[in-house]
Amino acid sequence: IICEAFDNAEAKAMLANFVLEKLYDKYL
């Protein structure tokens, strides 16, 4: 499981997009 805890919108979007598209077996 991956917890996103950033305070930067671009960093949030980058991490979310990568996990959902490339690490789709993991929970975000």
PDB file of all heavy atoms in Angstrom:
ATOM      1  N   ILE A   1       0.857  -1.182   0.000  1.00  0.00           N
ATOM      2  CA  ILE A   1       0.000   0.000   0.000  1.00  0.00           C
ATOM      3  C   ILE A   1       0.892   1.231   0.000  1.00  0.00           C
ATOM      4  O   ILE A   1       1.920   1.267   0.687  1.00  0.00           O
ATOM      5  CB  ILE A   1      -0.926   0.027   1.229  1.00  0.00           C
ATOM      6  CG1 ILE A   1      -1.803  -1.234   1.263  1.00  0.00           C
ATOM      7  CG2 ILE A   1      -1.806   1.280   1.223  1.00  0.00           C
ATOM      8  CD1 ILE A   1      -2.695  -1.335   2.491  1.00  0.00           C
ATOM      9  N   ILE A   2       0.498   2.239  -0.773  1.00  0.00           N
ATOM     10  CA  ILE A   2       1.270   3.475  -0.890  1.00  0.00           C
ATOM     11  C   ILE A   2       0.434   4.630  -0.360  1.00  0.00           C
ATOM     12  O   ILE A   2      -0.704   4.834  -0.796  1.00  0.00           O
ATOM     13  CB  ILE A   2       1.656   3.730  -2.358  1.00  0.00           C
ATOM     14  CG1 ILE A   2       2.571   2.599  -2.857  1.00  0.00           C
ATOM     15  CG2 ILE A   2       2.329   5.089  -2.519  1.00  0.00           C
ATOM     16  CD1 ILE A   2       2.646   2.482  -4.361  1.00  0.00           C
ATOM     17  N   CYS A   3       0.985   5.386   0.586  1.00  0.00           N
ATOM     18  CA  CYS A   3       0.324   6.571   1.120  1.00  0.00           C
ATOM     19  C   CYS A   3       0.956   7.809   0.486  1.00  0.00           C
ATOM     20  O   CYS A   3       2.159   8.043   0.643  1.00  0.00           O
ATOM     21  CB  CYS A   3       0.475   6.649   2.634  1.00  0.00           C
ATOM     22  SG  CYS A   3      -0.505   5.443   3.530  1.00  0.00           S
ATOM     23  N   GLU A   4       0.152   8.582  -0.212  1.00  0.00           N
ATOM     24  CA  GLU A   4       0.607   9.856  -0.778  1.00  0.00           C
ATOM     25  C   GLU A   4       0.397  10.923   0.272  1.00  0.00           C
ATOM     26  O   GLU A   4      -0.731  11.132   0.726  1.00  0.00           O
ATOM     27  CB  GLU A   4      -0.169  10.157  -2.061  1.00  0.00           C
ATOM     28  CG  GLU A   4       0.161  11.494  -2.694  1.00  0.00           C
ATOM     29  CD  GLU A   4      -0.640  12.635  -2.089  1.00  0.00           C
ATOM     30  OE1 GLU A   4      -1.874  12.548  -2.023  1.00  0.00           O
ATOM     31  OE2 GLU A   4       0.008  13.622  -1.678  1.00  0.00           O
ATOM     32  N   ALA A   5       1.477  11.612   0.655  1.00  0.00           N
ATOM     33  CA  ALA A   5       1.395  12.620   1.722  1.00  0.00           C
ATOM     34  C   ALA A   5       2.172  13.867   1.339  1.00  0.00           C
ATOM     35  O   ALA A   5       2.869  14.465   2.167  1.00  0.00           O
ATOM     36  CB  ALA A   5       1.909  12.033   3.031  1.00  0.00           C
ATOM     37  N   PHE A   6       2.056  14.265   0.080  1.00  0.00           N
ATOM     38  CA  PHE A   6       2.754  15.447  -0.411  1.00  0.00           C
ATOM     39  C   PHE A   6       1.946  16.716  -0.157  1.00  0.00           C
ATOM     40  O   PHE A   6       0.731  16.663   0.035  1.00  0.00           O
ATOM     41  CB  PHE A   6       3.006  15.327  -1.918  1.00  0.00           C
ATOM     42  CG  PHE A   6       3.974  14.239  -2.304  1.00  0.00           C
ATOM     43  CD1 PHE A   6       3.794  13.524  -3.479  1.00  0.00           C
ATOM     44  CD2 PHE A   6       5.061  13.943  -1.518  1.00  0.00           C
ATOM     45  CE1 PHE A   6       4.674  12.535  -3.849  1.00  0.00           C
ATOM     46  CE2 PHE A   6       5.956  12.950  -1.877  1.00  0.00           C
ATOM     47  CZ  PHE A   6       5.767  12.250  -3.051  1.00  0.00           C
ATOM     48  N   ASP A   7       2.620  17.865  -0.226  1.00  0.00           N
ATOM     49  CA  ASP A   7       1.926  19.155  -0.149  1.00  0.00           C
ATOM     50  C   ASP A   7       2.029  19.922  -1.467  1.00  0.00           C
ATOM     51  O   ASP A   7       1.683  21.093  -1.534  1.00  0.00           O
ATOM     52  CB  ASP A   7       2.462  20.004   1.002  1.00  0.00           C
ATOM     53  CG  ASP A   7       3.965  20.232   0.919  1.00  0.00           C
ATOM     54  OD1 ASP A   7       4.565  19.919  -0.131  1.00  0.00           O
ATOM     55  OD2 ASP A   7       4.545  20.745   1.887  1.00  0.00           O
ATOM     56  N   ASN A   8       2.490  19.243  -2.498  1.00  0.00           N
ATOM     57  CA  ASN A   8       2.657  19.856  -3.816  1.00  0.00           C
ATOM     58  C   ASN A   8       1.729  19.171  -4.814  1.00  0.00           C
ATOM     59  O   ASN A   8       1.756  17.943  -4.955  1.00  0.00           O
ATOM     60  CB  ASN A   8       4.120  19.732  -4.253  1.00  0.00           C
ATOM     61  CG  ASN A   8       4.367  20.280  -5.640  1.00  0.00           C
ATOM     62  OD1 ASN A   8       4.129  19.584  -6.624  1.00  0.00           O
ATOM     63  ND2 ASN A   8       4.846  21.505  -5.731  1.00  0.00           N
ATOM     64  N   ALA A   9       0.900  19.958  -5.496  1.00  0.00           N
ATOM     65  CA  ALA A   9      -0.118  19.401  -6.393  1.00  0.00           C
ATOM     66  C   ALA A   9       0.492  18.592  -7.528  1.00  0.00           C
ATOM     67  O   ALA A   9      -0.023  17.529  -7.894  1.00  0.00           O
ATOM     68  CB  ALA A   9      -0.985  20.527  -6.955  1.00  0.00           C
ATOM     69  N   GLU A  10       1.597  19.085  -8.100  1.00  0.00           N
ATOM     70  CA  GLU A  10       2.201  18.352  -9.219  1.00  0.00           C
ATOM     71  C   GLU A  10       2.781  17.021  -8.773  1.00  0.00           C
ATOM     72  O   GLU A  10       2.677  16.021  -9.479  1.00  0.00           O
ATOM     73  CB  GLU A  10       3.290  19.207  -9.871  1.00  0.00           C
ATOM     74  CG  GLU A  10       2.721  20.264 -10.774  1.00  0.00           C
ATOM     75  CD  GLU A  10       3.048  21.650 -10.267  1.00  0.00           C
ATOM     76  OE1 GLU A  10       3.925  21.803  -9.403  1.00  0.00           O
ATOM     77  OE2 GLU A  10       2.389  22.570 -10.741  1.00  0.00           O
ATOM     78  N   ALA A  11       3.401  17.023  -7.594  1.00  0.00           N
ATOM     79  CA  ALA A  11       3.962  15.784  -7.057  1.00  0.00           C
ATOM     80  C   ALA A  11       2.860  14.786  -6.743  1.00  0.00           C
ATOM     81  O   ALA A  11       3.000  13.579  -6.995  1.00  0.00           O
ATOM     82  CB  ALA A  11       4.789  16.078  -5.805  1.00  0.00           C
ATOM     83  N   LYS A  12       1.748  15.275  -6.213  1.00  0.00           N
ATOM     84  CA  LYS A  12       0.595  14.407  -5.936  1.00  0.00           C
ATOM     85  C   LYS A  12       0.112  13.751  -7.221  1.00  0.00           C
ATOM     86  O   LYS A  12      -0.125  12.539  -7.267  1.00  0.00           O
ATOM     87  CB  LYS A  12      -0.553  15.224  -5.337  1.00  0.00           C
ATOM     88  CG  LYS A  12      -0.404  15.607  -3.882  1.00  0.00           C
ATOM     89  CD  LYS A  12      -1.569  16.484  -3.446  1.00  0.00           C
ATOM     90  CE  LYS A  12      -1.542  16.785  -1.965  1.00  0.00           C
ATOM     91  NZ  LYS A  12      -1.945  15.627  -1.141  1.00  0.00           N
ATOM     92  N   ALA A  13      -0.046  14.566  -8.267  1.00  0.00           N
ATOM     93  CA  ALA A  13      -0.566  14.058  -9.542  1.00  0.00           C
ATOM     94  C   ALA A  13       0.396  13.058 -10.168  1.00  0.00           C
ATOM     95  O   ALA A  13      -0.015  12.016 -10.690  1.00  0.00           O
ATOM     96  CB  ALA A  13      -0.824  15.218 -10.495  1.00  0.00           C
ATOM     97  N   MET A  14       1.699  13.355 -10.110  1.00  0.00           N
ATOM     98  CA  MET A  14       2.686  12.452 -10.680  1.00  0.00           C
ATOM     99  C   MET A  14       2.652  11.094 -10.006  1.00  0.00           C
ATOM    100  O   MET A  14       2.620  10.047 -10.657  1.00  0.00           O
ATOM    101  CB  MET A  14       4.089  13.072 -10.559  1.00  0.00           C
ATOM    102  CG  MET A  14       5.212  12.233 -11.179  1.00  0.00           C
ATOM    103  SD  MET A  14       5.897  10.953 -10.085  1.00  0.00           S
ATOM    104  CE  MET A  14       6.705  11.971  -8.840  1.00  0.00           C
ATOM    105  N   LEU A  15       2.637  11.094  -8.680  1.00  0.00           N
ATOM    106  CA  LEU A  15       2.625   9.837  -7.946  1.00  0.00           C
ATOM    107  C   LEU A  15       1.340   9.059  -8.208  1.00  0.00           C
ATOM    108  O   LEU A  15       1.373   7.851  -8.494  1.00  0.00           O
ATOM    109  CB  LEU A  15       2.802  10.089  -6.456  1.00  0.00           C
ATOM    110  CG  LEU A  15       2.978   8.829  -5.595  1.00  0.00           C
ATOM    111  CD1 LEU A  15       3.982   9.076  -4.475  1.00  0.00           C
ATOM    112  CD2 LEU A  15       1.675   8.358  -4.992  1.00  0.00           C
ATOM    113  N   ALA A  16       0.212   9.737  -8.137  1.00  0.00           N
ATOM    114  CA  ALA A  16      -1.072   9.061  -8.342  1.00  0.00           C
ATOM    115  C   ALA A  16      -1.161   8.460  -9.738  1.00  0.00           C
ATOM    116  O   ALA A  16      -1.569   7.300  -9.905  1.00  0.00           O
ATOM    117  CB  ALA A  16      -2.220  10.031  -8.112  1.00  0.00           C
ATOM    118  N   ASN A  17      -0.762   9.224 -10.741  1.00  0.00           N
ATOM    119  CA  ASN A  17      -0.836   8.726 -12.112  1.00  0.00           C
ATOM    120  C   ASN A  17       0.064   7.518 -12.316  1.00  0.00           C
ATOM    121  O   ASN A  17      -0.320   6.533 -12.960  1.00  0.00           O
ATOM    122  CB  ASN A  17      -0.449   9.830 -13.099  1.00  0.00           C
ATOM    123  CG  ASN A  17      -1.498  10.919 -13.185  1.00  0.00           C
ATOM    124  OD1 ASN A  17      -2.672  10.685 -12.883  1.00  0.00           O
ATOM    125  ND2 ASN A  17      -1.094  12.117 -13.588  1.00  0.00           N
ATOM    126  N   PHE A  18       1.273   7.576 -11.749  1.00  0.00           N
ATOM    127  CA  PHE A  18       2.200   6.457 -11.918  1.00  0.00           C
ATOM    128  C   PHE A  18       1.682   5.206 -11.238  1.00  0.00           C
ATOM    129  O   PHE A  18       1.695   4.111 -11.828  1.00  0.00           O
ATOM    130  CB  PHE A  18       3.582   6.819 -11.369  1.00  0.00           C
ATOM    131  CG  PHE A  18       4.633   5.799 -11.702  1.00  0.00           C
ATOM    132  CD1 PHE A  18       5.415   5.931 -12.840  1.00  0.00           C
ATOM    133  CD2 PHE A  18       4.845   4.680 -10.897  1.00  0.00           C
ATOM    134  CE1 PHE A  18       6.376   4.979 -13.166  1.00  0.00           C
ATOM    135  CE2 PHE A  18       5.802   3.733 -11.202  1.00  0.00           C
ATOM    136  CZ  PHE A  18       6.565   3.878 -12.345  1.00  0.00           C
ATOM    137  N   VAL A  19       1.240   5.343  -9.998  1.00  0.00           N
ATOM    138  CA  VAL A  19       0.761   4.167  -9.264  1.00  0.00           C
ATOM    139  C   VAL A  19      -0.458   3.560  -9.942  1.00  0.00           C
ATOM    140  O   VAL A  19      -0.536   2.334 -10.130  1.00  0.00           O
ATOM    141  CB  VAL A  19       0.436   4.544  -7.800  1.00  0.00           C
ATOM    142  CG1 VAL A  19      -0.230   3.374  -7.080  1.00  0.00           C
ATOM    143  CG2 VAL A  19       1.706   4.950  -7.062  1.00  0.00           C
ATOM    144  N   LEU A  20      -1.405   4.387 -10.328  1.00  0.00           N
ATOM    145  CA  LEU A  20      -2.640   3.869 -10.919  1.00  0.00           C
ATOM    146  C   LEU A  20      -2.417   3.267 -12.300  1.00  0.00           C
ATOM    147  O   LEU A  20      -3.123   2.338 -12.695  1.00  0.00           O
ATOM    148  CB  LEU A  20      -3.676   4.995 -10.997  1.00  0.00           C
ATOM    149  CG  LEU A  20      -4.152   5.538  -9.644  1.00  0.00           C
ATOM    150  CD1 LEU A  20      -5.061   6.740  -9.841  1.00  0.00           C
ATOM    151  CD2 LEU A  20      -4.857   4.462  -8.831  1.00  0.00           C
ATOM    152  N   GLU A  21      -1.413   3.784 -13.032  1.00  0.00           N
ATOM    153  CA  GLU A  21      -1.171   3.294 -14.390  1.00  0.00           C
ATOM    154  C   GLU A  21      -0.116   2.196 -14.457  1.00  0.00           C
ATOM    155  O   GLU A  21      -0.229   1.272 -15.269  1.00  0.00           O
ATOM    156  CB  GLU A  21      -0.741   4.456 -15.289  1.00  0.00           C
ATOM    157  CG  GLU A  21      -1.836   5.492 -15.508  1.00  0.00           C
ATOM    158  CD  GLU A  21      -1.344   6.708 -16.280  1.00  0.00           C
ATOM    159  OE1 GLU A  21      -0.178   6.681 -16.753  1.00  0.00           O
ATOM    160  OE2 GLU A  21      -2.108   7.676 -16.395  1.00  0.00           O
ATOM    161  N   LYS A  22       0.912   2.273 -13.609  1.00  0.00           N
ATOM    162  CA  LYS A  22       2.041   1.335 -13.715  1.00  0.00           C
ATOM    163  C   LYS A  22       2.127   0.350 -12.554  1.00  0.00           C
ATOM    164  O   LYS A  22       2.673  -0.746 -12.708  1.00  0.00           O
ATOM    165  CB  LYS A  22       3.350   2.124 -13.795  1.00  0.00           C
ATOM    166  CG  LYS A  22       3.401   3.143 -14.924  1.00  0.00           C
ATOM    167  CD  LYS A  22       3.501   2.471 -16.288  1.00  0.00           C
ATOM    168  CE  LYS A  22       3.543   3.517 -17.405  1.00  0.00           C
ATOM    169  NZ  LYS A  22       4.707   4.390 -17.335  1.00  0.00           N
ATOM    170  N   LEU A  23       1.649   0.738 -11.396  1.00  0.00           N
ATOM    171  CA  LEU A  23       1.693  -0.142 -10.221  1.00  0.00           C
ATOM    172  C   LEU A  23       0.265  -0.493  -9.817  1.00  0.00           C
ATOM    173  O   LEU A  23      -0.122  -0.406  -8.654  1.00  0.00           O
ATOM    174  CB  LEU A  23       2.420   0.548  -9.063  1.00  0.00           C
ATOM    175  CG  LEU A  23       3.878   0.943  -9.313  1.00  0.00           C
ATOM    176  CD1 LEU A  23       4.429   1.739  -8.140  1.00  0.00           C
ATOM    177  CD2 LEU A  23       4.737  -0.285  -9.568  1.00  0.00           C
ATOM    178  N   TYR A  24      -0.522  -0.910 -10.784  1.00  0.00           N
ATOM    179  CA  TYR A  24      -1.965  -1.094 -10.600  1.00  0.00           C
ATOM    180  C   TYR A  24      -2.321  -2.245  -9.665  1.00  0.00           C
ATOM    181  O   TYR A  24      -3.484  -2.408  -9.295  1.00  0.00           O
ATOM    182  CB  TYR A  24      -2.655  -1.282 -11.953  1.00  0.00           C
ATOM    183  CG  TYR A  24      -1.935  -2.202 -12.901  1.00  0.00           C
ATOM    184  CD1 TYR A  24      -2.058  -3.584 -12.798  1.00  0.00           C
ATOM    185  CD2 TYR A  24      -1.102  -1.678 -13.882  1.00  0.00           C
ATOM    186  CE1 TYR A  24      -1.375  -4.424 -13.649  1.00  0.00           C
ATOM    187  CE2 TYR A  24      -0.414  -2.529 -14.751  1.00  0.00           C
ATOM    188  CZ  TYR A  24      -0.555  -3.886 -14.634  1.00  0.00           C
ATOM    189  OH  TYR A  24       0.130  -4.719 -15.479  1.00  0.00           O
ATOM    190  N   ASP A  25      -1.338  -3.050  -9.270  1.00  0.00           N
ATOM    191  CA  ASP A  25      -1.604  -4.124  -8.315  1.00  0.00           C
ATOM    192  C   ASP A  25      -1.552  -3.619  -6.868  1.00  0.00           C
ATOM    193  O   ASP A  25      -1.879  -4.362  -5.944  1.00  0.00           O
ATOM    194  CB  ASP A  25      -0.595  -5.263  -8.494  1.00  0.00           C
ATOM    195  CG  ASP A  25       0.851  -4.811  -8.283  1.00  0.00           C
ATOM    196  OD1 ASP A  25       1.180  -3.678  -8.707  1.00  0.00           O
ATOM    197  OD2 ASP A  25       1.639  -5.580  -7.716  1.00  0.00           O
ATOM    198  N   LYS A  26      -1.163  -2.356  -6.678  1.00  0.00           N
ATOM    199  CA  LYS A  26      -1.001  -1.812  -5.332  1.00  0.00           C
ATOM    200  C   LYS A  26      -2.145  -0.857  -4.994  1.00  0.00           C
ATOM    201  O   LYS A  26      -2.756  -0.263  -5.878  1.00  0.00           O
ATOM    202  CB  LYS A  26       0.335  -1.080  -5.228  1.00  0.00           C
ATOM    203  CG  LYS A  26       1.524  -1.974  -5.586  1.00  0.00           C
ATOM    204  CD  LYS A  26       2.838  -1.269  -5.435  1.00  0.00           C
ATOM    205  CE  LYS A  26       3.990  -2.154  -5.928  1.00  0.00           C
ATOM    206  NZ  LYS A  26       4.065  -3.451  -5.233  1.00  0.00           N
ATOM    207  N   TYR A  27      -2.397  -0.700  -3.710  1.00  0.00           N
ATOM    208  CA  TYR A  27      -3.407   0.240  -3.245  1.00  0.00           C
ATOM    209  C   TYR A  27      -2.758   1.609  -3.044  1.00  0.00           C
ATOM    210  O   TYR A  27      -1.615   1.705  -2.580  1.00  0.00           O
ATOM    211  CB  TYR A  27      -4.010  -0.227  -1.926  1.00  0.00           C
ATOM    212  CG  TYR A  27      -4.948  -1.397  -2.072  1.00  0.00           C
ATOM    213  CD1 TYR A  27      -4.468  -2.702  -2.003  1.00  0.00           C
ATOM    214  CD2 TYR A  27      -6.307  -1.205  -2.299  1.00  0.00           C
ATOM    215  CE1 TYR A  27      -5.327  -3.792  -2.139  1.00  0.00           C
ATOM    216  CE2 TYR A  27      -7.172  -2.281  -2.433  1.00  0.00           C
ATOM    217  CZ  TYR A  27      -6.674  -3.561  -2.360  1.00  0.00           C
ATOM    218  OH  TYR A  27      -7.519  -4.635  -2.507  1.00  0.00           O
ATOM    219  N   LEU A  28      -3.507   2.660  -3.377  1.00  0.00           N
ATOM    220  CA  LEU A  28      -3.058   4.025  -3.181  1.00  0.00           C
ATOM    221  C   LEU A  28      -4.030   4.745  -2.248  1.00  0.00           C
ATOM    222  O   LEU A  28      -5.244   4.761  -2.483  1.00  0.00           O
ATOM    223  CB  LEU A  28      -2.989   4.767  -4.516  1.00  0.00           C
ATOM    224  CG  LEU A  28      -2.664   6.261  -4.447  1.00  0.00           C
ATOM    225  CD1 LEU A  28      -1.260   6.492  -3.885  1.00  0.00           C
ATOM    226  CD2 LEU A  28      -2.782   6.900  -5.826  1.00  0.00           C
TER     227      LEU A  28
END
